Amino acid sequence: MDTNKEFFKTNGWNRDELIRQFTMDFANKYPHIDVMGVSSLIIKEFLHQPHVVQAGTEKKMDLLQDFLISRGLCDVQE
């Protein structure tokens, strides 16, 4: 049973939960950006871009901020 659990973990079984957690962490770091109004599919596709996959978590958040704002995909509060 542990083998199956490890298999699913390494093969993306819990990938949606990781995307949700990343989104929540992003929302805490950038409270002025309404990331919760952005489709999880858009965030998922963004995170799977080759230049983003290689980045660390902090850099991914910075890149996502730039991506969302530059394309007008989110509301930004001042």
C-alpha atoms as a PDB file:
ATOM      1  CA  MET A   1       0.000   0.000   0.000  1.00  0.00           C
ATOM      2  CA  ASP A   2       2.801   2.448   0.774  1.00  0.00           C
ATOM      3  CA  THR A   3       4.230   1.730  -2.677  1.00  0.00           C
ATOM      4  CA  ASN A   4       0.969   2.801  -4.347  1.00  0.00           C
ATOM      5  CA  LYS A   5       0.834   5.938  -2.226  1.00  0.00           C
ATOM      6  CA  GLU A   6       4.384   6.865  -3.252  1.00  0.00           C
ATOM      7  CA  PHE A   7       3.574   6.100  -6.892  1.00  0.00           C
ATOM      8  CA  PHE A   8       0.587   8.434  -6.901  1.00  0.00           C
ATOM      9  CA  LYS A   9       2.486  11.108  -5.001  1.00  0.00           C
ATOM     10  CA  THR A  10       5.377  11.134  -7.475  1.00  0.00           C
ATOM     11  CA  ASN A  11       3.089  10.915 -10.495  1.00  0.00           C
ATOM     12  CA  GLY A  12       0.894  13.880  -9.657  1.00  0.00           C
ATOM     13  CA  TRP A  13      -1.921  12.231  -7.726  1.00  0.00           C
ATOM     14  CA  ASN A  14      -2.077  15.213  -5.386  1.00  0.00           C
ATOM     15  CA  ARG A  15      -1.131  17.872  -7.959  1.00  0.00           C
ATOM     16  CA  ASP A  16      -4.386  19.821  -7.569  1.00  0.00           C
ATOM     17  CA  GLU A  17      -3.760  20.147  -3.839  1.00  0.00           C
ATOM     18  CA  LEU A  18      -0.275  21.510  -4.567  1.00  0.00           C
ATOM     19  CA  ILE A  19      -1.758  24.093  -6.945  1.00  0.00           C
ATOM     20  CA  ARG A  20      -4.334  25.063  -4.296  1.00  0.00           C
ATOM     21  CA  GLN A  21      -1.642  25.418  -1.634  1.00  0.00           C
ATOM     22  CA  PHE A  22       0.575  27.477  -3.952  1.00  0.00           C
ATOM     23  CA  THR A  23      -2.388  29.749  -4.740  1.00  0.00           C
ATOM     24  CA  MET A  24      -3.141  30.240  -1.050  1.00  0.00           C
ATOM     25  CA  ASP A  25       0.514  31.002  -0.307  1.00  0.00           C
ATOM     26  CA  PHE A  26       0.526  33.472  -3.195  1.00  0.00           C
ATOM     27  CA  ALA A  27      -2.624  35.143  -1.831  1.00  0.00           C
ATOM     28  CA  ASN A  28      -0.928  35.571   1.552  1.00  0.00           C
ATOM     29  CA  LYS A  29       2.246  37.023   0.018  1.00  0.00           C
ATOM     30  CA  TYR A  30       0.401  39.316  -2.404  1.00  0.00           C
ATOM     31  CA  PRO A  31      -2.872  40.233  -0.661  1.00  0.00           C
ATOM     32  CA  HIS A  32      -3.412  43.128  -3.067  1.00  0.00           C
ATOM     33  CA  ILE A  33      -3.815  40.682  -5.986  1.00  0.00           C
ATOM     34  CA  ASP A  34      -7.109  38.795  -6.266  1.00  0.00           C
ATOM     35  CA  VAL A  35      -5.604  35.451  -7.250  1.00  0.00           C
ATOM     36  CA  MET A  36      -8.655  33.590  -5.950  1.00  0.00           C
ATOM     37  CA  GLY A  37     -10.607  35.066  -8.857  1.00  0.00           C
ATOM     38  CA  VAL A  38      -8.219  33.435 -11.353  1.00  0.00           C
ATOM     39  CA  SER A  39      -9.042  30.010 -12.747  1.00  0.00           C
ATOM     40  CA  SER A  40      -6.916  27.235 -11.261  1.00  0.00           C
ATOM     41  CA  LEU A  41      -6.440  25.980 -14.830  1.00  0.00           C
ATOM     42  CA  ILE A  42      -4.672  29.236 -15.766  1.00  0.00           C
ATOM     43  CA  ILE A  43      -2.410  28.946 -12.726  1.00  0.00           C
ATOM     44  CA  LYS A  44      -1.735  25.278 -13.429  1.00  0.00           C
ATOM     45  CA  GLU A  45      -0.823  25.985 -17.068  1.00  0.00           C
ATOM     46  CA  PHE A  46       1.420  28.852 -15.977  1.00  0.00           C
ATOM     47  CA  LEU A  47       3.253  26.708 -13.417  1.00  0.00           C
ATOM     48  CA  HIS A  48       3.938  24.062 -16.054  1.00  0.00           C
ATOM     49  CA  GLN A  49       5.747  26.439 -18.415  1.00  0.00           C
ATOM     50  CA  PRO A  50       9.388  25.341 -18.825  1.00  0.00           C
ATOM     51  CA  HIS A  51      10.919  28.565 -17.493  1.00  0.00           C
ATOM     52  CA  VAL A  52       8.648  28.471 -14.430  1.00  0.00           C
ATOM     53  CA  VAL A  53       9.139  24.794 -13.580  1.00  0.00           C
ATOM     54  CA  GLN A  54      12.851  25.409 -13.039  1.00  0.00           C
ATOM     55  CA  ALA A  55      12.306  28.366 -10.681  1.00  0.00           C
ATOM     56  CA  GLY A  56      12.092  28.203  -6.904  1.00  0.00           C
ATOM     57  CA  THR A  57       8.844  28.919  -5.088  1.00  0.00           C
ATOM     58  CA  GLU A  58       9.554  32.604  -4.407  1.00  0.00           C
ATOM     59  CA  LYS A  59      10.539  33.190  -8.033  1.00  0.00           C
ATOM     60  CA  LYS A  60       7.410  31.337  -9.226  1.00  0.00           C
ATOM     61  CA  MET A  61       5.305  33.717  -7.153  1.00  0.00           C
ATOM     62  CA  ASP A  62       7.089  36.750  -8.590  1.00  0.00           C
ATOM     63  CA  LEU A  63       6.651  35.405 -12.120  1.00  0.00           C
ATOM     64  CA  LEU A  64       2.979  34.658 -11.496  1.00  0.00           C
ATOM     65  CA  GLN A  65       2.432  38.182 -10.211  1.00  0.00           C
ATOM     66  CA  ASP A  66       3.972  39.618 -13.388  1.00  0.00           C
ATOM     67  CA  PHE A  67       2.013  37.190 -15.578  1.00  0.00           C
ATOM     68  CA  LEU A  68      -1.371  37.950 -14.011  1.00  0.00           C
ATOM     69  CA  ILE A  69      -0.957  41.716 -13.942  1.00  0.00           C
ATOM     70  CA  SER A  70       0.551  42.055 -17.420  1.00  0.00           C
ATOM     71  CA  ARG A  71      -2.330  40.131 -18.967  1.00  0.00           C
ATOM     72  CA  GLY A  72      -5.053  41.750 -16.886  1.00  0.00           C
ATOM     73  CA  LEU A  73      -6.147  38.387 -15.468  1.00  0.00           C
ATOM     74  CA  CYS A  74      -6.749  39.635 -11.936  1.00  0.00           C
ATOM     75  CA  ASP A  75      -7.987  42.584  -9.956  1.00  0.00           C
ATOM     76  CA  VAL A  76      -5.321  44.577  -8.139  1.00  0.00           C
ATOM     77  CA  GLN A  77      -6.152  46.661  -5.075  1.00  0.00           C
ATOM     78  CA  GLU A  78      -4.071  49.592  -3.941  1.00  0.00           C
END
